Amino acid sequence: MQKIKYLIGFAAVLFLVCTLYAFFSFKTDYEARIARHIRIADSLQQQTLRLDKQLYQRDSVLNQYMKSLDQALTTLQEKSVRNRVSIASNLTKLDSIQLAYCNEMKKIGVNILECQ
């Protein structure tokens, strides 16, 4: 009977030790998984920050390029307007010169095809 009591006590202690070992083993495994997930999250955060910086730099360069293009287009537009005014003025002068030339040619009696 005494042996049975010892065996039951030994089994109870063994069961208790196994239960405690499993509990602490599960707890440390759980903590290791949490630590791993934290490391992965930190790594992803660092990569995201790095990519954000690169994207910001590229956006900054692109914005500067777009500003310079806008300035160039504005300058070209201004020059185009000036050139149109100049061309219109020159065409008016050309018409008046041709009219005066044709009138002078008519006065001296010369018929030119461009004047007809």
C-alpha atoms as a PDB file:
ATOM      1  CA  MET A   1       0.000   0.000   0.000  1.00  0.00           C
ATOM      2  CA  GLN A   2       2.842   2.244   0.844  1.00  0.00           C
ATOM      3  CA  LYS A   3       4.337   1.635  -2.602  1.00  0.00           C
ATOM      4  CA  ILE A   4       1.065   2.595  -4.233  1.00  0.00           C
ATOM      5  CA  LYS A   5       0.990   5.827  -2.272  1.00  0.00           C
ATOM      6  CA  TYR A   6       4.573   6.545  -3.340  1.00  0.00           C
ATOM      7  CA  LEU A   7       3.736   5.707  -6.945  1.00  0.00           C
ATOM      8  CA  ILE A   8       0.645   7.945  -6.874  1.00  0.00           C
ATOM      9  CA  GLY A   9       2.671  10.728  -5.245  1.00  0.00           C
ATOM     10  CA  PHE A  10       5.479  10.235  -7.753  1.00  0.00           C
ATOM     11  CA  ALA A  11       2.971  10.299 -10.628  1.00  0.00           C
ATOM     12  CA  ALA A  12       1.363  13.452  -9.213  1.00  0.00           C
ATOM     13  CA  VAL A  13       4.753  15.147  -8.857  1.00  0.00           C
ATOM     14  CA  LEU A  14       5.756  13.974 -12.321  1.00  0.00           C
ATOM     15  CA  PHE A  15       2.464  15.256 -13.733  1.00  0.00           C
ATOM     16  CA  LEU A  16       2.986  18.572 -11.939  1.00  0.00           C
ATOM     17  CA  VAL A  17       6.571  18.877 -13.251  1.00  0.00           C
ATOM     18  CA  CYS A  18       5.469  18.027 -16.799  1.00  0.00           C
ATOM     19  CA  THR A  19       2.615  20.525 -16.592  1.00  0.00           C
ATOM     20  CA  LEU A  20       4.919  23.271 -15.302  1.00  0.00           C
ATOM     21  CA  TYR A  21       7.528  22.454 -17.943  1.00  0.00           C
ATOM     22  CA  ALA A  22       4.903  22.556 -20.704  1.00  0.00           C
ATOM     23  CA  PHE A  23       3.515  25.834 -19.357  1.00  0.00           C
ATOM     24  CA  PHE A  24       6.912  27.533 -19.203  1.00  0.00           C
ATOM     25  CA  SER A  25       7.978  26.006 -22.509  1.00  0.00           C
ATOM     26  CA  PHE A  26       4.812  27.304 -24.150  1.00  0.00           C
ATOM     27  CA  LYS A  27       5.335  30.689 -22.506  1.00  0.00           C
ATOM     28  CA  THR A  28       8.936  31.005 -23.736  1.00  0.00           C
ATOM     29  CA  ASP A  29       7.910  29.823 -27.208  1.00  0.00           C
ATOM     30  CA  TYR A  30       5.121  32.386 -27.205  1.00  0.00           C
ATOM     31  CA  GLU A  31       7.534  35.109 -26.056  1.00  0.00           C
ATOM     32  CA  ALA A  32      10.020  34.092 -28.766  1.00  0.00           C
ATOM     33  CA  ARG A  33       7.298  34.381 -31.395  1.00  0.00           C
ATOM     34  CA  ILE A  34       6.303  37.802 -30.082  1.00  0.00           C
ATOM     35  CA  ALA A  35       9.943  38.945 -30.146  1.00  0.00           C
ATOM     36  CA  ARG A  36      10.300  37.643 -33.716  1.00  0.00           C
ATOM     37  CA  HIS A  37       7.183  39.507 -34.824  1.00  0.00           C
ATOM     38  CA  ILE A  38       8.458  42.673 -33.150  1.00  0.00           C
ATOM     39  CA  ARG A  39      11.794  42.357 -35.001  1.00  0.00           C
ATOM     40  CA  ILE A  40       9.967  41.819 -38.304  1.00  0.00           C
ATOM     41  CA  ALA A  41       7.716  44.829 -37.644  1.00  0.00           C
ATOM     42  CA  ASP A  42      10.749  47.007 -36.824  1.00  0.00           C
ATOM     43  CA  SER A  43      12.519  45.849 -39.966  1.00  0.00           C
ATOM     44  CA  LEU A  44       9.457  46.601 -42.087  1.00  0.00           C
ATOM     45  CA  GLN A  45       9.144  50.017 -40.486  1.00  0.00           C
ATOM     46  CA  GLN A  46      12.796  50.805 -41.279  1.00  0.00           C
ATOM     47  CA  GLN A  47      12.351  49.695 -44.892  1.00  0.00           C
ATOM     48  CA  THR A  48       9.175  51.754 -45.200  1.00  0.00           C
ATOM     49  CA  LEU A  49      10.961  54.837 -43.877  1.00  0.00           C
ATOM     50  CA  ARG A  50      13.855  54.272 -46.287  1.00  0.00           C
ATOM     51  CA  LEU A  51      11.480  53.913 -49.232  1.00  0.00           C
ATOM     52  CA  ASP A  52       9.553  57.015 -48.135  1.00  0.00           C
ATOM     53  CA  LYS A  53      12.793  59.021 -48.088  1.00  0.00           C
ATOM     54  CA  GLN A  54      13.735  57.797 -51.561  1.00  0.00           C
ATOM     55  CA  LEU A  55      10.259  58.573 -52.865  1.00  0.00           C
ATOM     56  CA  TYR A  56      10.362  62.046 -51.321  1.00  0.00           C
ATOM     57  CA  GLN A  57      13.749  62.705 -52.942  1.00  0.00           C
ATOM     58  CA  ARG A  58      12.459  61.555 -56.332  1.00  0.00           C
ATOM     59  CA  ASP A  59       9.309  63.646 -55.930  1.00  0.00           C
ATOM     60  CA  SER A  60      11.449  66.638 -55.026  1.00  0.00           C
ATOM     61  CA  VAL A  61      13.617  66.185 -58.129  1.00  0.00           C
ATOM     62  CA  LEU A  62      10.522  65.686 -60.272  1.00  0.00           C
ATOM     63  CA  ASN A  63       8.895  68.824 -58.842  1.00  0.00           C
ATOM     64  CA  GLN A  64      12.029  70.868 -59.559  1.00  0.00           C
ATOM     65  CA  TYR A  65      12.120  69.491 -63.101  1.00  0.00           C
ATOM     66  CA  MET A  66       8.450  70.353 -63.606  1.00  0.00           C
ATOM     67  CA  LYS A  67       9.046  73.895 -62.290  1.00  0.00           C
ATOM     68  CA  SER A  68      11.927  74.387 -64.719  1.00  0.00           C
ATOM     69  CA  LEU A  69       9.756  73.065 -67.565  1.00  0.00           C
ATOM     70  CA  ASP A  70       6.963  75.457 -66.582  1.00  0.00           C
ATOM     71  CA  GLN A  71       9.416  78.357 -66.579  1.00  0.00           C
ATOM     72  CA  ALA A  72      10.780  77.335 -69.974  1.00  0.00           C
ATOM     73  CA  LEU A  73       7.268  77.032 -71.406  1.00  0.00           C
ATOM     74  CA  THR A  74       6.315  80.436 -69.997  1.00  0.00           C
ATOM     75  CA  THR A  75       9.413  81.992 -71.554  1.00  0.00           C
ATOM     76  CA  LEU A  76       8.703  80.313 -74.889  1.00  0.00           C
ATOM     77  CA  GLN A  77       5.091  81.492 -74.767  1.00  0.00           C
ATOM     78  CA  GLU A  78       6.219  85.079 -74.155  1.00  0.00           C
ATOM     79  CA  LYS A  79       8.711  84.877 -77.024  1.00  0.00           C
ATOM     80  CA  SER A  80       6.047  83.342 -79.255  1.00  0.00           C
ATOM     81  CA  VAL A  81       3.679  86.232 -78.540  1.00  0.00           C
ATOM     82  CA  ARG A  82       6.456  88.738 -79.297  1.00  0.00           C
ATOM     83  CA  ASN A  83       7.315  86.891 -82.511  1.00  0.00           C
ATOM     84  CA  ARG A  84       3.655  86.849 -83.618  1.00  0.00           C
ATOM     85  CA  VAL A  85       3.412  90.596 -83.066  1.00  0.00           C
ATOM     86  CA  SER A  86       6.687  91.076 -84.948  1.00  0.00           C
ATOM     87  CA  ILE A  87       5.549  88.874 -87.834  1.00  0.00           C
ATOM     88  CA  ALA A  88       2.208  90.693 -88.077  1.00  0.00           C
ATOM     89  CA  SER A  89       4.021  94.037 -88.083  1.00  0.00           C
ATOM     90  CA  ASN A  90       6.476  92.821 -90.731  1.00  0.00           C
ATOM     91  CA  LEU A  91       3.648  91.501 -92.933  1.00  0.00           C
ATOM     92  CA  THR A  92       1.887  94.867 -92.691  1.00  0.00           C
ATOM     93  CA  LYS A  93       5.122  96.618 -93.679  1.00  0.00           C
ATOM     94  CA  LEU A  94       5.616  94.158 -96.551  1.00  0.00           C
ATOM     95  CA  ASP A  95       2.086  94.800 -97.835  1.00  0.00           C
ATOM     96  CA  SER A  96       2.610  98.564 -97.705  1.00  0.00           C
ATOM     97  CA  ILE A  97       5.986  98.248 -99.479  1.00  0.00           C
ATOM     98  CA  GLN A  98       4.466  96.019-102.183  1.00  0.00           C
ATOM     99  CA  LEU A  99       1.556  98.434-102.635  1.00  0.00           C
ATOM    100  CA  ALA A 100       3.932 101.387-102.934  1.00  0.00           C
ATOM    101  CA  TYR A 101       6.106  99.419-105.382  1.00  0.00           C
ATOM    102  CA  CYS A 102       3.116  98.474-107.515  1.00  0.00           C
ATOM    103  CA  ASN A 103       1.870 102.081-107.521  1.00  0.00           C
ATOM    104  CA  GLU A 104       5.291 103.328-108.618  1.00  0.00           C
ATOM    105  CA  MET A 105       5.472 100.688-111.351  1.00  0.00           C
ATOM    106  CA  LYS A 106       2.016 101.699-112.623  1.00  0.00           C
ATOM    107  CA  LYS A 107       3.118 105.332-112.728  1.00  0.00           C
ATOM    108  CA  ILE A 108       6.017 104.496-115.008  1.00  0.00           C
ATOM    109  CA  GLY A 109       3.871 102.125-117.074  1.00  0.00           C
ATOM    110  CA  VAL A 110       5.352  98.751-116.134  1.00  0.00           C
ATOM    111  CA  ASN A 111       2.956  95.868-115.520  1.00  0.00           C
ATOM    112  CA  ILE A 112       4.215  93.265-113.051  1.00  0.00           C
ATOM    113  CA  LEU A 113       2.413  89.968-112.416  1.00  0.00           C
ATOM    114  CA  GLU A 114       2.587  90.372-108.625  1.00  0.00           C
ATOM    115  CA  CYS A 115       0.751  93.684-108.824  1.00  0.00           C
ATOM    116  CA  GLN A 116      -2.283  92.404-110.719  1.00  0.00           C
END
